[in-house]
């Protein structure tokens, strides 16, 4: 991890690593997307049916493709080999 750089009398933290697929959004755009997301999902009632769509829409609020940060199911290895 890089060390903070000195700026005047204060220390500046290094910039966080960016995900290669993330879009750069302004806070206003994130806020607008979050409001739209909340309105769109306010009436959702079936968690099992809507889970993948929900997470895709949620990560889209921040401009992050869901596949870059989350997976829904992984195959597990058989304990017997």
N, C-alpha and C. Protein backbone atom coordinates (compact mmCIF):
# COMPACT_ATOMS: atom_id res chain seq x y z
N UNK A 1 0.85 -1.18 0.00
CA UNK A 1 0.00 0.00 0.00
C UNK A 1 0.89 1.24 0.00
N UNK A 2 0.63 2.21 -0.90
CA UNK A 2 1.47 3.40 -0.96
C UNK A 2 1.33 4.25 0.30
N UNK A 3 2.42 4.91 0.65
CA UNK A 3 2.39 5.79 1.81
C UNK A 3 1.72 7.12 1.45
N UNK A 4 1.02 7.74 2.43
CA UNK A 4 0.42 9.05 2.16
C UNK A 4 1.50 10.09 1.84
N UNK A 5 1.15 11.06 0.99
CA UNK A 5 2.07 12.14 0.65
C UNK A 5 1.76 13.34 1.53
N UNK A 6 2.79 14.09 1.85
CA UNK A 6 2.61 15.30 2.64
C UNK A 6 2.20 16.45 1.73
N UNK A 7 1.14 17.15 2.08
CA UNK A 7 0.71 18.35 1.37
C UNK A 7 0.63 19.47 2.40
N UNK A 8 1.58 20.36 2.37
CA UNK A 8 1.59 21.41 3.38
C UNK A 8 1.77 20.79 4.75
N UNK A 9 0.88 21.14 5.68
CA UNK A 9 0.97 20.59 7.03
C UNK A 9 0.06 19.38 7.21
N UNK A 10 -0.71 19.00 6.15
CA UNK A 10 -1.63 17.88 6.26
C UNK A 10 -1.15 16.72 5.40
N UNK A 11 -1.58 15.52 5.76
CA UNK A 11 -1.25 14.35 4.96
C UNK A 11 -2.42 14.04 4.03
N UNK A 12 -2.12 13.75 2.80
CA UNK A 12 -3.16 13.37 1.84
C UNK A 12 -3.13 11.86 1.67
N UNK A 13 -4.29 11.24 1.68
CA UNK A 13 -4.36 9.80 1.48
C UNK A 13 -4.18 9.50 0.00
N UNK A 14 -3.57 8.36 -0.30
CA UNK A 14 -3.44 7.99 -1.72
C UNK A 14 -4.82 7.74 -2.33
N UNK A 15 -4.94 7.97 -3.61
CA UNK A 15 -6.20 7.75 -4.30
C UNK A 15 -6.54 6.26 -4.26
N UNK A 16 -7.81 5.92 -4.03
CA UNK A 16 -8.18 4.50 -4.00
C UNK A 16 -8.03 3.88 -5.39
N UNK A 17 -7.77 2.60 -5.41
CA UNK A 17 -7.64 1.89 -6.68
C UNK A 17 -9.00 1.86 -7.36
N UNK A 18 -9.02 2.11 -8.64
CA UNK A 18 -10.28 2.10 -9.40
C UNK A 18 -10.47 0.74 -10.05
N UNK A 19 -11.69 0.32 -10.08
CA UNK A 19 -12.01 -0.91 -10.80
C UNK A 19 -11.98 -0.60 -12.30
N UNK A 20 -11.43 -1.46 -13.10
CA UNK A 20 -11.30 -1.17 -14.52
C UNK A 20 -12.62 -0.97 -15.25
N UNK A 21 -13.71 -1.59 -14.80
CA UNK A 21 -14.98 -1.50 -15.50
C UNK A 21 -15.92 -0.46 -14.91
N UNK A 22 -15.51 0.23 -13.84
CA UNK A 22 -16.39 1.19 -13.18
C UNK A 22 -16.46 2.49 -13.98
N UNK A 23 -17.68 3.04 -14.06
CA UNK A 23 -17.85 4.34 -14.70
C UNK A 23 -17.61 5.42 -13.66
N UNK A 24 -17.11 6.55 -14.09
CA UNK A 24 -16.90 7.67 -13.19
C UNK A 24 -18.17 8.51 -13.19
N UNK A 25 -18.85 8.55 -12.05
CA UNK A 25 -20.11 9.28 -11.93
C UNK A 25 -19.97 10.41 -10.91
N UNK A 26 -20.66 11.49 -11.15
CA UNK A 26 -20.69 12.57 -10.17
C UNK A 26 -21.63 12.17 -9.03
N UNK A 27 -21.49 12.85 -7.89
CA UNK A 27 -22.38 12.57 -6.76
C UNK A 27 -23.83 12.86 -7.12
N UNK A 28 -24.05 13.88 -7.95
CA UNK A 28 -25.42 14.19 -8.37
C UNK A 28 -26.00 13.06 -9.19
N UNK A 29 -25.20 12.48 -10.08
CA UNK A 29 -25.67 11.35 -10.89
C UNK A 29 -25.95 10.14 -10.01
N UNK A 30 -25.09 9.86 -9.04
CA UNK A 30 -25.31 8.74 -8.11
C UNK A 30 -26.60 8.99 -7.33
N UNK A 31 -26.79 10.21 -6.84
CA UNK A 31 -28.00 10.53 -6.08
C UNK A 31 -29.25 10.33 -6.94
N UNK A 32 -29.22 10.83 -8.16
CA UNK A 32 -30.38 10.68 -9.06
C UNK A 32 -30.66 9.20 -9.34
N UNK A 33 -29.61 8.44 -9.57
CA UNK A 33 -29.79 7.01 -9.82
C UNK A 33 -30.32 6.29 -8.58
N UNK A 34 -29.84 6.70 -7.40
CA UNK A 34 -30.30 6.07 -6.16
C UNK A 34 -31.79 6.37 -5.91
N UNK A 35 -32.21 7.57 -6.18
CA UNK A 35 -33.62 7.92 -6.02
C UNK A 35 -34.48 7.10 -6.98
N UNK A 36 -34.04 7.01 -8.23
CA UNK A 36 -34.77 6.21 -9.23
C UNK A 36 -34.81 4.75 -8.82
N UNK A 37 -33.68 4.22 -8.33
CA UNK A 37 -33.61 2.84 -7.87
C UNK A 37 -34.60 2.59 -6.73
N UNK A 38 -34.62 3.48 -5.75
CA UNK A 38 -35.52 3.32 -4.61
C UNK A 38 -36.98 3.32 -5.06
N UNK A 39 -37.32 4.20 -5.97
CA UNK A 39 -38.70 4.25 -6.48
C UNK A 39 -39.04 2.97 -7.24
N UNK A 40 -38.11 2.52 -8.08
CA UNK A 40 -38.36 1.32 -8.89
C UNK A 40 -38.54 0.08 -8.03
N UNK A 41 -37.83 0.00 -6.92
CA UNK A 41 -37.85 -1.21 -6.10
C UNK A 41 -38.73 -1.12 -4.86
N UNK A 42 -39.40 -0.01 -4.66
CA UNK A 42 -40.23 0.17 -3.46
C UNK A 42 -41.33 -0.88 -3.34
N UNK A 43 -41.88 -1.33 -4.44
CA UNK A 43 -43.01 -2.27 -4.39
C UNK A 43 -42.59 -3.72 -4.57
N UNK A 44 -41.31 -3.98 -4.66
CA UNK A 44 -40.85 -5.35 -4.87
C UNK A 44 -41.21 -6.21 -3.66
N UNK A 45 -41.70 -7.44 -3.93
CA UNK A 45 -42.14 -8.27 -2.81
C UNK A 45 -41.62 -9.71 -2.87
N UNK A 46 -41.04 -10.11 -3.98
CA UNK A 46 -40.58 -11.49 -4.11
C UNK A 46 -39.06 -11.52 -4.19
N UNK A 47 -38.43 -11.71 -3.03
CA UNK A 47 -36.98 -11.64 -2.94
C UNK A 47 -36.29 -12.68 -3.83
N UNK A 48 -36.78 -13.90 -3.82
CA UNK A 48 -36.14 -14.96 -4.60
C UNK A 48 -36.20 -14.67 -6.10
N UNK A 49 -37.34 -14.20 -6.57
CA UNK A 49 -37.50 -13.94 -8.00
C UNK A 49 -36.69 -12.72 -8.44
N UNK A 50 -36.58 -11.71 -7.58
CA UNK A 50 -35.99 -10.43 -7.97
C UNK A 50 -34.53 -10.24 -7.58
N UNK A 51 -33.91 -11.19 -6.92
CA UNK A 51 -32.58 -10.94 -6.34
C UNK A 51 -31.53 -10.53 -7.38
N UNK A 52 -31.45 -11.21 -8.51
CA UNK A 52 -30.42 -10.86 -9.47
C UNK A 52 -30.69 -9.51 -10.12
N UNK A 53 -31.93 -9.26 -10.46
CA UNK A 53 -32.28 -7.95 -11.03
C UNK A 53 -32.01 -6.83 -10.04
N UNK A 54 -32.35 -7.07 -8.76
CA UNK A 54 -32.12 -6.08 -7.71
C UNK A 54 -30.65 -5.71 -7.63
N UNK A 55 -29.78 -6.73 -7.53
CA UNK A 55 -28.35 -6.46 -7.37
C UNK A 55 -27.77 -5.80 -8.62
N UNK A 56 -28.21 -6.21 -9.80
CA UNK A 56 -27.74 -5.56 -11.02
C UNK A 56 -28.10 -4.07 -11.00
N UNK A 57 -29.35 -3.77 -10.63
CA UNK A 57 -29.80 -2.37 -10.57
C UNK A 57 -29.08 -1.61 -9.47
N UNK A 58 -28.84 -2.26 -8.33
CA UNK A 58 -28.16 -1.60 -7.21
C UNK A 58 -26.75 -1.18 -7.60
N UNK A 59 -25.98 -2.09 -8.17
CA UNK A 59 -24.61 -1.75 -8.56
C UNK A 59 -24.59 -0.72 -9.68
N UNK A 60 -25.62 -0.73 -10.52
CA UNK A 60 -25.72 0.27 -11.59
C UNK A 60 -25.87 1.68 -11.02
N UNK A 61 -26.44 1.81 -9.83
CA UNK A 61 -26.55 3.13 -9.18
C UNK A 61 -25.17 3.78 -9.10
N UNK A 62 -24.15 2.98 -8.84
CA UNK A 62 -22.79 3.48 -8.66
C UNK A 62 -21.94 3.36 -9.93
N UNK A 63 -22.55 2.87 -11.01
CA UNK A 63 -21.82 2.72 -12.26
C UNK A 63 -20.86 1.55 -12.25
N UNK A 64 -21.15 0.55 -11.42
CA UNK A 64 -20.27 -0.61 -11.30
C UNK A 64 -20.99 -1.84 -11.86
N UNK A 65 -20.41 -2.50 -12.84
CA UNK A 65 -21.03 -3.73 -13.33
C UNK A 65 -21.03 -4.79 -12.23
N UNK A 66 -22.16 -5.40 -11.99
CA UNK A 66 -22.29 -6.39 -10.91
C UNK A 66 -21.27 -7.51 -11.06
N UNK A 67 -20.98 -7.94 -12.26
CA UNK A 67 -20.06 -9.06 -12.46
C UNK A 67 -18.64 -8.73 -12.00
N UNK A 68 -18.31 -7.44 -11.88
CA UNK A 68 -16.96 -7.09 -11.44
C UNK A 68 -16.80 -7.17 -9.92
N UNK A 69 -17.91 -7.28 -9.18
CA UNK A 69 -17.81 -7.30 -7.72
C UNK A 69 -18.57 -8.42 -7.04
N UNK A 70 -19.48 -9.08 -7.75
CA UNK A 70 -20.31 -10.08 -7.08
C UNK A 70 -20.71 -11.20 -8.03
N UNK A 71 -20.87 -12.38 -7.48
CA UNK A 71 -21.43 -13.50 -8.21
C UNK A 71 -22.59 -14.04 -7.39
N UNK A 72 -23.51 -14.70 -8.04
CA UNK A 72 -24.70 -15.18 -7.34
C UNK A 72 -24.53 -16.60 -6.79
N UNK A 73 -23.95 -17.46 -7.56
CA UNK A 73 -23.82 -18.84 -7.12
C UNK A 73 -22.50 -19.41 -7.61
N UNK A 74 -21.89 -20.20 -6.76
CA UNK A 74 -20.67 -20.92 -7.13
C UNK A 74 -20.93 -22.41 -6.98
N UNK A 75 -20.41 -23.20 -7.89
CA UNK A 75 -20.49 -24.64 -7.74
C UNK A 75 -19.52 -25.05 -6.64
N UNK A 76 -19.94 -25.95 -5.80
CA UNK A 76 -19.06 -26.42 -4.72
C UNK A 76 -18.46 -27.76 -5.13
N UNK A 77 -17.25 -27.99 -4.67
CA UNK A 77 -16.58 -29.24 -4.97
C UNK A 77 -17.17 -30.35 -4.10
N UNK A 78 -17.29 -31.51 -4.66
CA UNK A 78 -17.76 -32.68 -3.94
C UNK A 78 -16.71 -33.04 -2.89
N UNK A 79 -17.11 -33.32 -1.66
CA UNK A 79 -16.18 -33.66 -0.59
C UNK A 79 -15.41 -34.94 -0.89
N UNK A 80 -15.94 -35.78 -1.73
CA UNK A 80 -15.28 -37.04 -2.06
C UNK A 80 -14.29 -36.91 -3.21
N UNK A 81 -14.22 -35.74 -3.78
CA UNK A 81 -13.23 -35.53 -4.85
C UNK A 81 -13.90 -35.28 -6.11
